[in-house]
Protein backbone atom coordinates (compact mmCIF):
# COMPACT_ATOMS: atom_id res chain seq x y z
CA MET A 1 -16.63 12.43 35.37
CA THR A 2 -16.47 15.91 33.91
CA SER A 3 -18.02 17.65 30.91
CA ILE A 4 -16.33 20.29 28.76
CA GLN A 5 -18.32 23.03 27.08
CA PHE A 6 -17.11 25.48 24.44
CA GLU A 7 -19.22 28.61 24.01
CA GLU A 8 -18.40 30.76 20.95
CA VAL A 9 -14.66 30.19 21.45
CA SER A 10 -12.25 31.88 19.03
CA LEU A 11 -8.51 32.48 18.98
CA LYS A 12 -6.63 34.70 16.57
CA PHE A 13 -2.87 34.81 16.99
CA PRO A 14 -1.16 38.23 16.72
CA GLY A 15 -0.35 39.05 13.11
CA ALA A 16 -2.48 36.22 11.72
CA SER A 17 -4.83 37.03 8.85
CA TYR A 18 -7.58 34.72 10.12
CA PRO A 19 -8.46 32.97 13.41
CA ALA A 20 -6.83 29.64 14.25
CA VAL A 21 -10.11 28.67 15.91
CA SER A 22 -13.37 30.40 15.05
CA ASN A 23 -16.63 30.48 17.00
CA ILE A 24 -16.52 26.94 18.42
CA THR A 25 -19.65 25.97 20.33
CA CYS A 26 -20.16 22.38 21.47
CA GLU A 27 -20.26 20.14 24.52
CA ILE A 28 -18.11 17.12 25.36
CA GLU A 29 -20.21 14.94 27.63
CA ALA A 30 -18.70 13.47 30.79
CA GLY A 31 -16.93 10.19 30.11
CA GLN A 32 -16.90 10.61 26.32
CA PHE A 33 -13.90 9.83 24.13
CA VAL A 34 -13.92 12.59 21.50
CA VAL A 35 -11.40 12.66 18.66
CA ILE A 36 -10.67 16.03 17.02
CA LEU A 37 -9.95 15.27 13.38
CA GLY A 38 -8.85 17.42 10.48
CA SER A 39 -6.04 18.32 8.13
CA SER A 40 -2.85 20.06 9.22
CA GLY A 41 -3.38 23.64 10.37
CA CYS A 42 -7.12 23.31 10.95
CA GLY A 43 -6.94 24.30 14.63
CA LYS A 44 -7.01 20.88 16.35
CA THR A 45 -4.11 21.40 18.75
CA THR A 46 -5.00 25.04 19.32
CA LEU A 47 -8.47 24.03 20.51
CA LEU A 48 -7.01 21.34 22.75
CA LYS A 49 -4.48 23.70 24.37
CA MET A 50 -7.16 26.19 25.31
CA VAL A 51 -8.74 23.63 27.65
CA ASN A 52 -5.71 23.67 29.98
CA ARG A 53 -5.04 27.33 29.20
CA LEU A 54 -1.75 26.88 27.39
CA TYR A 55 -3.52 29.26 25.00
CA GLU A 56 -6.12 31.80 26.06
CA PRO A 57 -9.06 32.39 23.71
CA THR A 58 -9.48 35.78 22.09
CA SER A 59 -13.19 35.50 22.79
CA GLY A 60 -15.70 33.03 24.16
CA THR A 61 -15.73 30.80 27.23
CA ILE A 62 -14.73 27.25 28.11
CA TYR A 63 -16.48 25.52 30.98
CA LEU A 64 -15.39 22.51 33.03
CA ASP A 65 -18.49 20.97 34.62
CA GLY A 66 -20.24 24.32 34.29
CA THR A 67 -17.41 26.40 35.78
CA ASN A 68 -15.61 28.97 33.63
CA ILE A 69 -12.01 27.73 33.51
CA ARG A 70 -10.75 31.31 33.87
CA GLN A 71 -12.28 31.29 37.34
CA ILE A 72 -10.21 28.24 38.33
CA ASN A 73 -6.68 28.77 39.66
CA LEU A 74 -4.32 27.86 36.81
CA THR A 75 -2.31 25.33 38.83
CA THR A 76 -5.49 23.77 40.19
CA LEU A 77 -6.95 23.56 36.68
CA ARG A 78 -3.91 21.80 35.24
CA GLN A 79 -3.78 19.37 38.15
CA GLN A 80 -7.28 18.26 37.14
CA ILE A 81 -6.24 17.65 33.52
CA GLY A 82 -3.93 14.92 32.25
CA TYR A 83 -1.88 15.92 29.20
CA VAL A 84 -0.17 13.54 26.77
CA ILE A 85 1.81 14.75 23.75
CA GLN A 86 3.33 13.05 20.72
CA GLN A 87 6.87 12.57 22.07
CA SER A 88 5.68 11.54 25.58
CA GLY A 89 7.31 14.64 27.13
CA LEU A 90 9.06 12.64 29.84
CA PHE A 91 11.78 14.36 31.85
CA PRO A 92 14.98 12.63 30.63
CA HIS A 93 16.89 13.08 33.91
CA MET A 94 14.13 11.40 35.94
CA THR A 95 13.38 7.70 36.25
CA VAL A 96 10.04 6.29 35.19
CA ALA A 97 8.87 6.31 38.81
CA GLU A 98 10.00 9.92 39.32
CA ASN A 99 8.22 11.02 36.15
CA ILE A 100 4.95 9.45 37.25
CA ALA A 101 5.26 10.91 40.76
CA VAL A 102 5.52 14.56 39.61
CA VAL A 103 1.83 15.49 39.96
CA PRO A 104 1.13 13.41 43.10
CA LYS A 105 4.04 15.16 44.81
CA LEU A 106 2.66 18.55 43.78
CA LEU A 107 -0.68 17.48 45.23
CA GLY A 108 1.02 16.74 48.55
CA TRP A 109 0.51 12.98 48.53
CA SER A 110 2.42 10.94 51.09
CA ARG A 111 5.37 8.88 49.91
CA VAL A 112 3.52 5.64 50.63
CA LYS A 113 0.52 6.81 48.59
CA TYR A 114 2.41 7.95 45.50
CA GLN A 115 4.75 4.95 45.49
CA SER A 116 1.71 2.70 45.51
CA ARG A 117 0.17 4.79 42.70
CA ILE A 118 3.30 4.36 40.58
CA ASP A 119 3.08 0.57 40.77
CA GLU A 120 -0.67 0.65 40.17
CA LEU A 121 -0.33 2.76 37.02
CA LEU A 122 2.61 0.86 35.57
CA THR A 123 0.59 -2.33 35.96
CA LEU A 124 -2.41 -0.59 34.37
CA VAL A 125 -0.40 0.34 31.24
CA ASP A 126 1.10 -3.16 31.09
CA LEU A 127 4.63 -2.33 32.24
CA SER A 128 6.08 -4.38 35.10
CA PRO A 129 6.91 -2.06 38.03
CA GLN A 130 9.85 -4.26 38.98
CA LEU A 131 11.34 -3.97 35.50
CA TYR A 132 10.54 -0.38 34.58
CA ARG A 133 10.15 1.92 37.58
CA ASN A 134 13.91 2.64 37.87
CA ARG A 135 14.65 2.97 34.16
CA TYR A 136 15.23 6.29 32.44
CA PRO A 137 13.29 7.37 29.32
CA ALA A 138 16.32 6.78 27.08
CA GLN A 139 16.23 3.12 28.12
CA LEU A 140 12.67 2.68 26.82
CA SER A 141 11.25 2.10 23.34
CA GLY A 142 8.97 4.71 21.83
CA GLY A 143 5.89 2.68 22.70
CA GLN A 144 7.07 2.18 26.28
CA GLN A 145 7.70 5.91 26.64
CA GLN A 146 4.15 6.64 25.49
CA ARG A 147 2.77 4.16 28.02
CA VAL A 148 4.70 5.94 30.76
CA GLY A 149 3.43 9.26 29.41
CA VAL A 150 -0.15 8.00 29.76
CA ALA A 151 0.59 6.70 33.27
CA ARG A 152 2.04 10.08 34.27
CA ALA A 153 -1.02 11.88 32.90
CA LEU A 154 -3.25 9.60 34.98
CA ALA A 155 -1.16 9.87 38.15
CA GLY A 156 -3.25 12.50 39.92
CA ASP A 157 -6.52 10.87 38.85
CA PRO A 158 -7.46 13.82 36.60
CA LYS A 159 -11.02 14.54 35.55
CA VAL A 160 -10.04 15.15 31.91
CA MET A 161 -7.38 13.75 29.56
CA LEU A 162 -5.98 15.82 26.68
CA MET A 163 -4.04 13.76 24.13
CA ASP A 164 -2.27 15.54 21.28
CA GLU A 165 -1.48 12.97 18.57
CA PRO A 166 0.12 10.75 21.24
CA PHE A 167 0.77 7.86 18.86
CA GLY A 168 1.74 9.91 15.81
CA ALA A 169 5.50 9.26 15.98
CA ILE A 170 5.26 5.49 16.55
CA ASP A 171 5.42 2.62 14.07
CA ALA A 172 2.13 1.19 12.81
CA ILE A 173 2.20 -2.06 14.80
CA THR A 174 3.02 -0.35 18.12
CA ARG A 175 0.46 2.34 17.34
CA GLN A 176 -2.31 -0.22 16.92
CA THR A 177 -1.29 -1.90 20.18
CA LEU A 178 -1.41 1.41 22.03
CA GLN A 179 -4.81 2.21 20.54
CA THR A 180 -6.07 -1.08 21.93
CA GLU A 181 -4.55 -0.22 25.30
CA ILE A 182 -6.13 3.23 25.47
CA LEU A 183 -9.53 1.71 24.66
CA ARG A 184 -9.00 -0.86 27.42
CA LEU A 185 -8.06 1.89 29.88
CA GLN A 186 -11.03 4.03 28.88
CA ASN A 187 -13.36 1.09 29.37
CA GLN A 188 -12.03 0.80 32.94
CA LEU A 189 -11.60 4.46 33.89
CA LYS A 190 -14.30 6.32 31.90
CA LYS A 191 -12.35 9.58 31.67
CA THR A 192 -13.45 12.52 29.56
CA ILE A 193 -10.92 12.44 26.72
CA LEU A 194 -10.11 14.94 23.98
CA PHE A 195 -7.78 13.26 21.50
CA VAL A 196 -6.23 15.09 18.53
CA SER A 197 -5.54 13.02 15.43
CA HIS A 198 -5.04 13.44 11.70
CA ASP A 199 -5.58 9.70 11.13
CA VAL A 200 -9.11 8.80 10.02
CA GLU A 201 -8.75 5.10 10.88
CA GLU A 202 -7.54 5.99 14.37
CA ALA A 203 -10.50 8.32 14.87
CA LEU A 204 -13.01 5.72 13.70
CA ARG A 205 -11.50 3.09 15.97
CA LEU A 206 -11.24 5.15 19.15
CA ALA A 207 -13.98 7.76 19.21
CA ASP A 208 -17.40 7.84 20.79
CA LYS A 209 -17.80 11.03 18.76
CA ILE A 210 -15.62 12.75 16.16
CA MET A 211 -15.25 16.52 15.85
CA ILE A 212 -14.14 17.45 12.34
CA LEU A 213 -12.49 20.85 11.96
CA ASN A 214 -11.80 22.79 8.78
CA LYS A 215 -10.16 26.21 8.85
CA GLY A 216 -10.78 26.55 12.55
CA GLN A 217 -14.48 25.73 12.46
CA ILE A 218 -16.51 22.63 13.31
CA VAL A 219 -17.98 21.18 10.15
CA GLN A 220 -19.42 18.07 11.80
CA PHE A 221 -19.57 16.68 15.34
CA ASP A 222 -21.19 13.26 15.49
CA THR A 223 -20.72 9.53 16.00
CA PRO A 224 -18.31 7.73 13.66
CA LEU A 225 -21.16 5.81 12.04
CA ASN A 226 -23.23 8.93 11.37
CA ILE A 227 -20.22 10.75 9.98
CA LEU A 228 -19.47 7.85 7.65
CA THR A 229 -23.02 7.39 6.46
CA ARG A 230 -24.22 11.00 6.60
CA PRO A 231 -21.24 13.31 6.02
CA ALA A 232 -22.25 16.95 6.42
CA ASN A 233 -20.61 18.19 3.22
CA ALA A 234 -18.16 17.34 0.44
CA PHE A 235 -15.15 18.14 2.64
CA VAL A 236 -16.18 15.59 5.28
CA HIS A 237 -17.14 13.07 2.59
CA GLU A 238 -13.67 13.25 1.07
CA LEU A 239 -11.79 13.41 4.38
CA ILE A 240 -13.28 10.24 5.84
CA GLY A 241 -13.70 8.32 2.61
CA ALA A 242 -17.44 7.88 2.90
CA ASP A 243 -17.54 5.60 -0.15
CA ASP A 244 -15.14 3.12 1.44
CA ARG A 245 -17.41 0.22 2.40
CA VAL A 246 -14.57 -1.68 4.04
CA ARG A 247 -14.28 1.19 6.53
CA HIS A 248 -18.00 0.88 7.19
CA LEU A 249 -17.45 -2.74 8.19
CA SER A 250 -15.16 -1.60 10.99
CA LEU A 251 -18.17 0.07 12.65
CA LEU A 252 -20.58 -2.85 12.37
CA ARG A 253 -20.44 -5.53 15.06
CA VAL A 254 -20.48 -9.23 14.27
CA GLU A 255 -23.72 -9.68 16.23
CA MET A 256 -25.47 -7.32 13.80
CA ALA A 257 -24.86 -9.66 10.85
CA MET A 258 -24.54 -13.21 12.18
CA SER A 259 -27.15 -15.96 12.11
CA ARG A 260 -28.06 -17.04 15.63
CA VAL A 261 -27.81 -20.72 16.58
CA PHE A 262 -29.45 -22.62 19.41
CA GLN A 263 -27.71 -26.02 19.21
CA GLU A 264 -24.10 -25.13 19.73
CA SER A 265 -22.74 -28.68 19.79
CA GLN A 266 -22.97 -29.04 16.01
CA TYR A 267 -20.57 -26.12 15.35
CA GLN A 268 -16.79 -26.36 15.48
CA ARG A 269 -14.85 -23.62 17.25
CA GLU A 270 -11.73 -23.80 15.11
CA TYR A 271 -12.30 -20.27 13.81
CA ALA A 272 -14.07 -18.29 16.53
CA ILE A 273 -14.88 -14.62 16.90
CA ALA A 274 -16.67 -12.56 19.54
CA PRO A 275 -20.05 -10.87 18.89
CA GLN A 276 -18.53 -7.49 19.81
CA ASP A 277 -15.76 -7.76 17.22
CA ASN A 278 -16.30 -5.82 14.04
CA LEU A 279 -17.06 -7.14 10.58
CA ARG A 280 -13.78 -5.86 9.20
CA GLN A 281 -11.91 -8.11 11.63
CA ALA A 282 -14.21 -10.98 10.71
CA LEU A 283 -13.61 -10.46 7.00
CA SER A 284 -9.86 -10.54 7.57
CA VAL A 285 -10.13 -13.86 9.44
CA LEU A 286 -12.38 -15.42 6.80
CA LEU A 287 -10.10 -14.38 3.94
CA GLY A 288 -6.94 -15.32 5.83
CA THR A 289 -8.08 -18.79 6.84
CA GLY A 290 -10.32 -19.74 3.94
CA ALA A 291 -12.93 -20.91 6.46
CA GLU A 292 -16.51 -21.33 5.27
CA HIS A 293 -17.80 -19.63 8.38
CA LEU A 294 -16.74 -18.24 11.75
CA THR A 295 -18.29 -19.47 14.97
CA VAL A 296 -19.44 -16.60 17.17
CA VAL A 297 -18.64 -17.33 20.81
CA ASP A 298 -19.83 -15.23 23.73
CA GLN A 299 -18.55 -16.05 27.22
CA GLY A 300 -17.70 -19.58 26.18
CA LYS A 301 -21.04 -20.27 24.49
CA VAL A 302 -21.66 -20.54 20.75
CA VAL A 303 -24.32 -17.97 19.86
CA GLY A 304 -24.08 -17.71 16.08
CA ILE A 305 -22.25 -18.25 12.82
CA LEU A 306 -20.92 -15.67 10.40
CA THR A 307 -20.27 -16.22 6.70
CA LEU A 308 -18.86 -14.11 3.89
CA GLU A 309 -22.43 -13.75 2.59
CA HIS A 310 -23.51 -12.24 5.91
CA ILE A 311 -20.74 -9.66 5.65
CA CYS A 312 -21.52 -8.82 2.03
CA ASN A 313 -25.18 -8.36 2.84
CA SER A 314 -24.31 -6.02 5.70
CA ALA A 315 -22.07 -3.93 3.45
CA ILE A 316 -24.84 -3.64 0.88
CA ILE A 317 -27.56 -2.61 3.30
CA ALA A 318 -25.39 -0.18 5.25
CA PRO A 319 -26.60 3.35 4.38
CA ILE A 320 -24.07 5.01 2.09
CA ILE A 321 -24.16 8.67 1.11
CA PRO A 322 -24.98 9.04 -2.62
């Protein structure tokens, strides 16, 4: 795993009246999923593109595991970094397999090795190799194209993943499915991920930490829960909707609110939920089913019950910014 460090990084485009990115100093820890969040034009994509040197900073330094990226050969640097953009960026004249094989071929992998990698990655992103490896991008849905885009970015086993609003052009249902998939992949692979988004819900769902930019500067860099409960200023408070208690529920796990039980046989499992699920999901199930309580099941064993009262109490005691 690889860390990324920004040290007083700024970029001012020629003719611009102010910097696109101004004096950014922070560290992305190895294996962290960091979402860069902010309104349009705040510098999110500019900051991202400096990591793989699509843009060069006007001043300051970016380090990859302590090494100045300007001291790394440009081709070598980019081979260490997976890059996923909004429209997938697949080569239309290449099949799915050929798209995924681009970086492994550049790395000099044998045919046997990269063909095996293609099948491995298609399986990883939940696309059958037999069905999809010989299709062309035009024969795929938007969600399928994005899955292939993620597979291609992972093909060379990069140290870092840069994702620039990868789900921004996809319908809401597919977007939520892909968010679930990227969380599943991250749980398996533990890559260092920088993910640009303008969607607050997406940031809260995906991020280990959120970096909020405003006019090219970091205004807060913290965990989703801390940002929700302790926004740094009025801009952050308004951006993330700090008064929205339903959003708070999405960050509180069921196990934090449930009542534990020790005689599981007396509880029905008709409406079950996992202790790691969040209270927002639990609330939706309770309201949708009309159940008096949910049974909390962990690895096949009943460990607790959750009621609407439990959820309400958690929402009340959660620290809210005045």
